[in-house]
Amino acid sequence: MAKKSPDKGNLGQRVKRYSQVSSTMAGVAVKVAGEKFLGVKIEREKHAASVLAALGNLKGPLMKVGQILATIPEALPPEYAAALQNLQSNAPPMGWPFVKRRMKTELGNDWETKFKTFGHEAAAAASLGQVHKATLHDGREVACKLQYPDMESAIAADLSQLKLIFSLYETYDQSIQTTNIHHELKDRLYEELDYERESRHCGLYNFMLREEKQVHVPQVIPELSTKKLLTATWLDGAQILDFKSASVETRNAIALNMFRAWYVPLYYYGVIHGDPHLGNYSVRQDFSINLLDFGCVRVFPADFIGGVIDLYRALQKDDRPRAVHAFETWGFKNLNHDQIDTLLIWARFLYEPLLDNQSRVIGKTESGVYGRETARKVHQRLREVGGVTPPREFVFMDRAALGLGSVFIHLQAEINWHRMFEDMIEGFNITELEKRQKSALTKFNLFKG
């Protein structure tokens, strides 16, 4: 008889999730629409809290979607984006019965014999899976990430409701067209369900960062990994917020290592880790960085990276035609004069620390979300001058930039970001990037051609 998968056969749970997510998210839509069209004022913070209470025990993509929406200018009202963000830390892990079923399904009836020890309690619980610490018979400590059951249905349900919300907003607010945002979220979330792909991402990052001695990437254990189970070496480290009160030299060292962990792969290979969540990295005693969780990885065309550098040079030299060329390279179309001016507000905000040739902190925030104040300004201007359709690549490029910016603000690191960036892009060549990218992606069976 075939083994029964933990992901099969629970139709009642699927129906319950669709109903719960649909009614809750539709409630957000109705409340906000009523406020807009009928002038009915609601207590948004109170209503957002009820949304969190209704969704707090659900596993899955709503957690990640909430985090990402916080980086897209006004895609949702801030109270609701904040509530969805809090889902990440509120959902409890699955219990031992689930763990045993998942491990048996993935590694067979004798799965426990493959480990010297295996922790019954989850060491970490995230949006799509949870991690258990184990020890192999050769003494190596490993992290076993188990995917939660029925995540395909969860993603389908959550993205369907997100599309409904986006459609509602676009009926009265044309400042940002959300089609590309939805498509990008859909593709990346489904990719995250494939732990075999994440295993290849992990190998890719080991390769790309092989010369970065201050950045560490776990090694996957292939014989103990499947499409829904990923086993890799355990990397010990402390949370980055533990260093907020450390010396400025320590905070600067951590920030420098974080910068290189994210941007060496981007500017040398056109690849970015799209999820700078606090749980996805840790700090060792020598202040080097452990980079973790490679489910959300984005590969960019070489000319897109060229556009990033073109815009930087355009802002340096106040070269408007070069800035427009960069926007067009990224996929913005038929921009008018006022739209270009508005996009330049956002660009100057993101690039401002890189343009300032002195040691300084990255910036500050008054709202708790880096870039929120500038995002509000840009959103309001776009309402006035006509909306734009952000290219798909923007979703995770912006997420990485704003997520890392928030980390650097927490650390209050004082670095010459301009000099560090100039050193990184020195000698940049699109043709060479294309060659390096193709070679690296092919090596790990990730090249799409």
Protein backbone atom coordinates (compact mmCIF):
# COMPACT_ATOMS: atom_id res chain seq x y z
CA MET A 1 0.00 0.00 0.00
CA ALA A 2 1.31 3.49 -0.88
CA LYS A 3 2.34 5.72 1.97
CA LYS A 4 -0.15 8.42 2.84
CA SER A 5 1.34 11.87 2.52
CA PRO A 6 0.82 14.39 5.34
CA ASP A 7 -0.36 16.76 2.58
CA LYS A 8 -3.23 14.62 1.30
CA GLY A 9 -6.76 13.84 2.28
CA ASN A 10 -7.77 16.66 4.62
CA LEU A 11 -10.43 18.35 2.51
CA GLY A 12 -12.14 19.79 5.58
CA GLN A 13 -9.01 21.69 6.59
CA ARG A 14 -8.61 23.07 3.07
CA VAL A 15 -12.20 24.30 2.97
CA LYS A 16 -11.79 25.84 6.42
CA ARG A 17 -8.69 27.75 5.33
CA TYR A 18 -10.31 29.10 2.16
CA SER A 19 -13.30 30.22 4.20
CA GLN A 20 -11.24 31.79 6.99
CA VAL A 21 -8.86 33.66 4.71
CA SER A 22 -11.61 34.71 2.31
CA SER A 23 -13.94 36.11 4.95
CA THR A 24 -11.17 37.89 6.84
CA MET A 25 -9.50 39.48 3.82
CA ALA A 26 -12.85 40.35 2.26
CA GLY A 27 -13.68 42.06 5.55
CA VAL A 28 -10.59 44.24 5.15
CA ALA A 29 -11.71 45.11 1.61
CA VAL A 30 -15.24 46.02 2.68
CA LYS A 31 -14.08 48.16 5.60
CA VAL A 32 -11.52 50.11 3.58
CA ALA A 33 -13.87 50.53 0.61
CA GLY A 34 -16.58 51.80 2.90
CA GLU A 35 -14.18 54.31 4.37
CA LYS A 36 -13.19 55.49 0.90
CA PHE A 37 -16.55 55.62 -0.88
CA LEU A 38 -19.06 56.19 1.93
CA GLY A 39 -17.01 58.23 4.37
CA VAL A 40 -17.56 55.59 7.07
CA LYS A 41 -14.63 55.94 9.44
CA ILE A 42 -13.28 52.80 11.04
CA GLU A 43 -10.80 52.26 13.84
CA ARG A 44 -8.14 50.75 11.60
CA GLU A 45 -5.80 49.65 14.38
CA LYS A 46 -8.64 47.87 16.19
CA HIS A 47 -9.87 46.23 13.02
CA ALA A 48 -6.32 45.23 12.05
CA ALA A 49 -5.95 43.57 15.46
CA SER A 50 -9.09 41.52 14.78
CA VAL A 51 -7.60 40.51 11.42
CA LEU A 52 -4.47 39.30 13.21
CA ALA A 53 -6.56 37.36 15.74
CA ALA A 54 -8.52 35.67 12.96
CA LEU A 55 -5.45 34.68 10.95
CA GLY A 56 -2.87 34.22 13.69
CA ASN A 57 -2.94 30.42 13.81
CA LEU A 58 -2.71 29.91 10.05
CA LYS A 59 0.53 28.63 8.58
CA GLY A 60 1.75 29.69 5.20
CA PRO A 61 2.24 32.52 2.77
CA LEU A 62 0.18 35.20 4.53
CA MET A 63 3.15 35.72 6.85
CA LYS A 64 5.56 36.29 3.98
CA VAL A 65 3.09 38.33 1.93
CA GLY A 66 2.57 40.64 4.91
CA GLN A 67 6.29 41.26 5.22
CA ILE A 68 6.67 41.96 1.51
CA LEU A 69 3.67 44.29 1.30
CA ALA A 70 5.27 46.49 3.95
CA THR A 71 8.01 47.32 1.42
CA ILE A 72 5.63 48.27 -1.42
CA PRO A 73 4.48 51.90 -1.11
CA GLU A 74 0.94 51.81 0.27
CA ALA A 75 -0.06 48.49 -1.30
CA LEU A 76 -2.13 48.08 1.86
CA PRO A 77 -2.99 50.59 4.62
CA PRO A 78 -0.10 50.53 7.11
CA GLU A 79 -2.23 49.20 9.97
CA TYR A 80 -3.05 46.06 8.00
CA ALA A 81 0.46 45.60 6.62
CA ALA A 82 1.75 45.80 10.21
CA ALA A 83 -0.81 43.21 11.39
CA LEU A 84 0.20 40.79 8.64
CA GLN A 85 3.87 41.31 9.50
CA ASN A 86 3.18 40.16 13.05
CA LEU A 87 1.92 36.82 11.77
CA GLN A 88 5.54 35.72 11.34
CA SER A 89 6.15 35.46 15.07
CA ASN A 90 2.66 34.42 16.20
CA ALA A 91 2.01 31.10 14.47
CA PRO A 92 2.90 28.13 16.70
CA PRO A 93 4.90 25.17 15.32
CA MET A 94 3.34 21.84 14.41
CA GLY A 95 3.55 19.13 17.08
CA TRP A 96 5.52 15.88 17.25
CA PRO A 97 2.83 13.74 15.54
CA PHE A 98 3.16 15.87 12.41
CA VAL A 99 6.96 15.74 12.60
CA LYS A 100 6.95 11.93 12.76
CA ARG A 101 4.54 11.66 9.83
CA ARG A 102 6.55 14.09 7.69
CA MET A 103 9.90 12.44 8.45
CA LYS A 104 8.49 8.95 7.78
CA THR A 105 7.02 10.09 4.47
CA GLU A 106 10.23 11.75 3.32
CA LEU A 107 12.90 9.31 4.64
CA GLY A 108 11.04 6.06 5.26
CA ASN A 109 9.92 4.03 8.27
CA ASP A 110 13.47 3.83 9.63
CA TRP A 111 14.09 7.58 9.48
CA GLU A 112 15.05 7.84 13.17
CA THR A 113 17.96 5.45 12.66
CA LYS A 114 19.54 7.96 10.28
CA PHE A 115 20.14 10.38 13.18
CA LYS A 116 22.02 10.04 16.45
CA THR A 117 19.62 12.52 18.06
CA PHE A 118 16.58 14.43 16.79
CA GLY A 119 14.93 17.26 18.71
CA HIS A 120 11.22 16.80 19.37
CA GLU A 121 10.62 20.53 19.80
CA ALA A 122 10.96 22.93 16.86
CA ALA A 123 14.05 25.13 17.08
CA ALA A 124 12.36 27.68 14.81
CA ALA A 125 8.97 28.10 13.14
CA ALA A 126 8.57 30.17 9.98
CA SER A 127 5.97 30.83 7.32
CA LEU A 128 6.14 27.65 5.24
CA GLY A 129 7.99 25.22 7.50
CA GLN A 130 9.68 24.61 10.83
CA VAL A 131 13.21 23.63 11.80
CA HIS A 132 14.34 20.83 14.13
CA LYS A 133 17.90 20.45 15.38
CA ALA A 134 19.45 17.00 15.05
CA THR A 135 22.83 15.25 15.27
CA LEU A 136 24.21 12.83 12.70
CA HIS A 137 26.13 9.69 13.61
CA ASP A 138 29.40 11.36 12.57
CA GLY A 139 28.80 14.10 15.14
CA ARG A 140 27.69 16.88 12.79
CA GLU A 141 24.82 19.03 14.03
CA VAL A 142 22.18 19.67 11.38
CA ALA A 143 19.01 21.68 10.86
CA CYS A 144 16.05 19.74 9.43
CA LYS A 145 13.47 22.01 7.82
CA LEU A 146 10.09 20.32 7.41
CA GLN A 147 7.44 21.85 5.17
CA TYR A 148 4.00 22.31 6.70
CA PRO A 149 1.18 20.19 5.24
CA ASP A 150 -0.90 21.32 2.27
CA MET A 151 1.06 24.47 1.49
CA GLU A 152 0.08 24.39 -2.19
CA SER A 153 -3.58 24.91 -1.24
CA ALA A 154 -2.61 27.55 1.31
CA ILE A 155 -0.73 29.57 -1.30
CA ALA A 156 -3.59 29.27 -3.78
CA ALA A 157 -6.09 30.47 -1.17
CA ASP A 158 -4.00 33.35 0.12
CA LEU A 159 -2.94 34.63 -3.30
CA SER A 160 -6.53 34.50 -4.53
CA GLN A 161 -7.62 36.76 -1.71
CA LEU A 162 -4.63 39.05 -2.16
CA LYS A 163 -5.62 39.48 -5.81
CA LEU A 164 -9.10 40.46 -4.69
CA ILE A 165 -7.69 43.11 -2.37
CA PHE A 166 -5.39 44.49 -5.07
CA SER A 167 -8.28 44.66 -7.55
CA LEU A 168 -10.40 46.58 -5.07
CA TYR A 169 -7.70 49.18 -4.46
CA GLU A 170 -7.14 49.68 -8.16
CA THR A 171 -10.80 50.62 -8.64
CA TYR A 172 -10.20 53.84 -6.73
CA ASP A 173 -6.43 54.25 -6.64
CA GLN A 174 -4.44 53.99 -9.88
CA SER A 175 -1.11 55.14 -8.44
CA ILE A 176 0.42 51.64 -8.49
CA GLN A 177 -0.70 48.87 -10.84
CA THR A 178 -0.35 45.62 -8.94
CA THR A 179 -0.49 42.93 -11.66
CA ASN A 180 3.28 42.45 -11.77
CA ILE A 181 3.49 42.47 -7.97
CA HIS A 182 0.94 39.66 -7.74
CA HIS A 183 2.64 37.59 -10.45
CA GLU A 184 6.04 37.98 -8.78
CA LEU A 185 4.72 36.98 -5.36
CA LYS A 186 2.97 33.97 -6.89
CA ASP A 187 6.07 32.68 -8.68
CA ARG A 188 8.45 33.18 -5.77
CA LEU A 189 6.07 31.61 -3.21
CA TYR A 190 5.55 28.48 -5.27
CA GLU A 191 9.32 28.23 -5.77
CA GLU A 192 9.78 28.31 -2.00
CA LEU A 193 7.78 25.09 -1.69
CA ASP A 194 10.46 23.21 -3.66
CA TYR A 195 13.17 22.30 -1.15
CA GLU A 196 15.16 20.57 -3.90
CA ARG A 197 15.42 23.96 -5.60
CA GLU A 198 16.36 25.60 -2.30
CA SER A 199 19.11 22.99 -1.95
CA ARG A 200 20.52 24.12 -5.29
CA HIS A 201 20.23 27.75 -4.18
CA CYS A 202 22.24 26.87 -1.09
CA GLY A 203 24.97 25.36 -3.26
CA LEU A 204 24.91 28.43 -5.49
CA TYR A 205 25.43 30.74 -2.50
CA ASN A 206 28.28 28.63 -1.20
CA PHE A 207 29.89 29.05 -4.61
CA MET A 208 29.22 32.79 -5.03
CA LEU A 209 30.45 33.62 -1.52
CA ARG A 210 33.37 31.17 -1.48
CA GLU A 211 35.93 33.99 -1.14
CA GLU A 212 33.97 35.89 1.52
CA LYS A 213 35.57 34.58 4.71
CA GLN A 214 33.21 36.63 6.88
CA VAL A 215 30.05 35.06 5.43
CA HIS A 216 29.03 31.45 6.10
CA VAL A 217 26.48 29.32 4.24
CA PRO A 218 25.25 25.90 5.44
CA GLN A 219 26.12 22.72 3.56
CA VAL A 220 23.14 20.63 2.42
CA ILE A 221 23.08 16.90 3.31
CA PRO A 222 21.61 15.50 0.04
CA GLU A 223 20.86 11.99 1.29
CA LEU A 224 18.66 13.45 4.05
CA SER A 225 16.86 16.01 1.86
CA THR A 226 13.80 15.78 -0.37
CA LYS A 227 11.29 18.11 -2.01
CA LYS A 228 9.66 18.80 1.37
CA LEU A 229 12.56 18.16 3.78
CA LEU A 230 15.83 20.07 3.73
CA THR A 231 18.69 18.96 5.97
CA ALA A 232 21.80 21.15 6.20
CA THR A 233 24.64 21.81 8.63
CA TRP A 234 23.66 23.76 11.74
CA LEU A 235 25.31 27.18 12.07
CA ASP A 236 25.47 28.66 15.57
CA GLY A 237 25.07 32.39 15.99
CA ALA A 238 23.38 35.17 17.95
CA GLN A 239 20.53 37.40 16.85
CA ILE A 240 21.68 40.63 15.25
CA LEU A 241 19.55 42.74 17.62
CA ASP A 242 21.72 41.43 20.47
CA PHE A 243 24.45 43.77 19.16
CA LYS A 244 22.50 47.04 19.18
CA SER A 245 24.47 48.22 22.23
CA ALA A 246 27.86 46.87 21.13
CA SER A 247 30.81 49.12 20.30
CA VAL A 248 30.65 51.05 17.05
CA GLU A 249 33.56 48.98 15.73
CA THR A 250 31.58 45.77 16.33
CA ARG A 251 28.41 47.17 14.78
CA ASN A 252 30.35 48.41 11.76
CA ALA A 253 31.99 45.00 11.25
CA ILE A 254 28.60 43.25 11.32
CA ALA A 255 27.07 45.78 8.91
CA LEU A 256 29.98 45.42 6.49
CA ASN A 257 29.61 41.62 6.50
CA MET A 258 25.86 41.89 5.97
CA PHE A 259 26.41 44.27 3.05
CA ARG A 260 28.78 41.88 1.33
CA ALA A 261 26.58 38.84 2.04
CA TRP A 262 23.77 40.41 0.05
CA TYR A 263 25.50 42.47 -2.59
CA VAL A 264 28.51 40.41 -3.73
CA PRO A 265 26.06 37.90 -5.29
CA LEU A 266 23.98 40.72 -6.79
CA TYR A 267 26.69 42.76 -8.51
CA TYR A 268 28.93 39.82 -9.46
CA TYR A 269 26.25 37.28 -10.43
CA GLY A 270 22.92 39.13 -10.69
CA VAL A 271 21.43 37.09 -7.81
CA ILE A 272 19.84 38.35 -4.60
CA HIS A 273 18.61 36.76 -1.37
CA GLY A 274 15.08 38.17 -1.34
CA ASP A 275 14.23 37.66 2.32
CA PRO A 276 16.33 39.75 4.76
CA HIS A 277 14.09 38.74 7.67
CA LEU A 278 15.77 38.81 11.09
CA GLY A 279 15.53 35.03 11.37
CA ASN A 280 17.46 34.44 8.16
CA TYR A 281 20.91 35.38 9.42
CA SER A 282 22.86 35.26 12.65
CA VAL A 283 26.15 36.60 13.99
CA ARG A 284 29.12 34.53 15.12
CA GLN A 285 31.51 35.39 17.94
CA ASP A 286 33.98 36.88 15.43
CA PHE A 287 31.11 39.04 14.04
CA SER A 288 30.99 37.12 10.77
CA ILE A 289 27.54 36.35 9.34
CA ASN A 290 25.63 33.10 8.95
CA LEU A 291 23.32 33.45 5.95
CA LEU A 292 20.31 31.12 6.17
CA ASP A 293 17.15 30.06 4.32
CA PHE A 294 17.52 30.15 0.53
CA GLY A 295 13.94 29.61 -0.54
CA CYS A 296 13.44 33.16 -1.77
CA VAL A 297 16.22 33.83 -4.30
CA ARG A 298 15.78 36.16 -7.28
CA VAL A 299 17.90 36.09 -10.46
CA PHE A 300 18.02 39.34 -12.45
CA PRO A 301 18.93 39.90 -16.10
CA ALA A 302 22.39 41.46 -16.43
CA ASP A 303 20.98 44.60 -18.04
CA PHE A 304 18.71 45.11 -15.01
CA ILE A 305 21.81 45.24 -12.80
CA GLY A 306 23.36 47.60 -15.34
CA GLY A 307 20.32 49.82 -14.89
CA VAL A 308 20.88 49.88 -11.11
CA ILE A 309 24.39 51.26 -11.68
CA ASP A 310 23.24 53.59 -14.47
CA LEU A 311 20.74 55.20 -12.11
CA TYR A 312 23.42 55.60 -9.45
CA ARG A 313 25.70 57.39 -11.93
CA ALA A 314 22.77 59.47 -13.20
CA LEU A 315 22.01 60.71 -9.69
CA GLN A 316 25.70 61.43 -9.11
CA LYS A 317 25.91 63.64 -12.19
CA ASP A 318 22.32 64.92 -12.29
CA ASP A 319 21.99 63.21 -15.68
CA ARG A 320 18.24 62.97 -16.29
CA PRO A 321 18.43 61.17 -19.69
CA ARG A 322 20.59 58.45 -18.13
CA ALA A 323 18.10 58.08 -15.28
CA VAL A 324 15.24 57.70 -17.78
CA HIS A 325 17.29 55.10 -19.64
CA ALA A 326 17.72 53.17 -16.38
CA PHE A 327 13.97 53.24 -15.69
CA GLU A 328 13.25 52.03 -19.22
CA THR A 329 15.87 49.28 -18.88
CA TRP A 330 14.00 48.04 -15.83
CA GLY A 331 10.71 47.91 -17.73
CA PHE A 332 8.94 51.18 -16.96
CA LYS A 333 7.08 52.30 -20.09
CA ASN A 334 5.75 55.61 -21.44
CA LEU A 335 6.76 57.64 -18.41
CA ASN A 336 5.75 61.28 -18.46
CA HIS A 337 7.79 64.14 -17.01
CA ASP A 338 5.96 64.17 -13.65
CA GLN A 339 6.16 60.39 -13.24
CA ILE A 340 9.91 60.52 -13.81
CA ASP A 341 10.26 63.26 -11.19
CA THR A 342 8.27 61.12 -8.74
CA LEU A 343 10.32 57.99 -9.35
CA LEU A 344 13.45 60.06 -8.80
CA ILE A 345 12.20 60.93 -5.29
CA TRP A 346 12.24 57.21 -4.44
CA ALA A 347 15.56 56.69 -6.22
CA ARG A 348 17.28 59.52 -4.35
CA PHE A 349 16.01 58.09 -1.07
CA LEU A 350 17.39 54.60 -1.80
CA TYR A 351 20.71 55.84 -3.19
CA GLU A 352 21.30 58.77 -0.84
CA PRO A 353 23.66 56.91 1.56
CA LEU A 354 25.67 55.62 -1.42
CA LEU A 355 26.07 59.12 -2.88
CA ASP A 356 27.36 60.68 0.34
CA ASN A 357 31.16 60.22 0.48
CA GLN A 358 31.62 60.13 4.26
CA SER A 359 31.16 57.79 7.20
CA ARG A 360 27.57 58.01 8.37
CA VAL A 361 24.54 56.02 9.54
CA ILE A 362 22.32 54.70 6.76
CA GLY A 363 19.34 56.80 7.85
CA LYS A 364 16.51 56.88 10.33
CA THR A 365 12.85 55.96 10.50
CA GLU A 366 9.95 57.35 12.49
CA SER A 367 7.35 54.75 11.52
CA GLY A 368 9.15 51.54 12.35
CA VAL A 369 9.42 50.58 8.66
CA TYR A 370 12.43 51.93 6.80
CA GLY A 371 11.30 54.02 3.82
CA ARG A 372 7.65 54.29 4.90
CA GLU A 373 7.66 58.11 5.06
CA THR A 374 9.20 58.46 1.59
CA ALA A 375 6.89 55.74 0.23
CA ARG A 376 3.86 57.73 1.39
CA LYS A 377 5.14 60.82 -0.40
CA VAL A 378 5.80 58.90 -3.61
CA HIS A 379 2.41 57.22 -3.47
CA GLN A 380 0.61 60.54 -3.04
CA ARG A 381 2.51 62.08 -5.95
CA LEU A 382 1.68 59.15 -8.20
CA ARG A 383 -1.98 59.60 -7.41
CA GLU A 384 -1.69 63.15 -8.70
CA VAL A 385 0.46 62.60 -11.80
CA GLY A 386 -0.73 59.18 -13.01
CA GLY A 387 0.06 55.66 -11.94
CA VAL A 388 2.93 53.38 -12.88
CA THR A 389 3.34 49.62 -13.19
CA PRO A 390 6.39 48.54 -11.18
CA PRO A 391 8.46 45.86 -12.94
CA ARG A 392 8.32 42.43 -11.31
CA GLU A 393 11.97 42.63 -10.32
CA PHE A 394 11.21 45.65 -8.11
CA VAL A 395 9.34 43.58 -5.52
CA PHE A 396 12.36 41.75 -4.15
CA MET A 397 14.98 44.36 -5.06
CA ASP A 398 13.10 46.90 -2.94
CA ARG A 399 12.48 44.29 -0.24
CA ALA A 400 16.19 43.57 0.06
CA ALA A 401 17.18 47.24 0.06
CA LEU A 402 14.61 48.26 2.66
CA GLY A 403 15.11 45.15 4.78
CA LEU A 404 18.86 45.66 4.96
CA GLY A 405 18.37 49.37 5.53
CA SER A 406 16.28 48.52 8.59
CA VAL A 407 19.06 46.25 9.88
CA PHE A 408 21.67 48.99 9.45
CA ILE A 409 19.39 51.45 11.25
CA HIS A 410 19.05 49.01 14.17
CA LEU A 411 22.84 48.74 14.30
CA GLN A 412 23.42 52.47 13.78
CA ALA A 413 26.50 51.45 11.84
CA GLU A 414 28.75 54.35 10.79
CA ILE A 415 30.32 53.42 7.46
CA ASN A 416 31.37 55.16 4.27
CA TRP A 417 28.70 53.40 2.20
CA HIS A 418 29.77 55.37 -0.88
CA ARG A 419 33.31 54.03 -0.80
CA MET A 420 32.14 50.48 -0.11
CA PHE A 421 29.70 50.59 -3.03
CA GLU A 422 32.24 52.13 -5.41
CA ASP A 423 34.70 49.35 -4.57
CA MET A 424 32.04 46.74 -5.24
CA ILE A 425 30.99 48.03 -8.69
CA GLU A 426 34.49 48.99 -9.86
CA GLY A 427 35.07 47.53 -13.33
CA PHE A 428 31.44 46.42 -13.68
CA ASN A 429 30.80 44.93 -17.12
CA ILE A 430 27.44 43.55 -18.26
CA THR A 431 28.99 40.98 -20.61
CA GLU A 432 31.23 39.62 -17.87
CA LEU A 433 28.29 39.48 -15.46
CA GLU A 434 26.27 37.50 -18.02
CA LYS A 435 29.11 34.98 -18.38
CA ARG A 436 29.60 34.56 -14.62
CA GLN A 437 25.85 34.26 -14.07
CA LYS A 438 25.32 31.64 -16.77
CA SER A 439 28.27 29.58 -15.57
CA ALA A 440 27.18 29.64 -11.91
CA LEU A 441 23.49 28.92 -12.61
CA THR A 442 24.35 26.11 -15.01
CA LYS A 443 26.64 24.54 -12.39
CA PHE A 444 23.68 24.20 -10.03
CA ASN A 445 21.02 23.39 -12.64
CA LEU A 446 19.30 26.78 -12.23
CA PHE A 447 19.95 28.32 -15.65
CA LYS A 448 16.72 28.84 -17.63
CA GLY A 449 18.32 29.97 -20.90
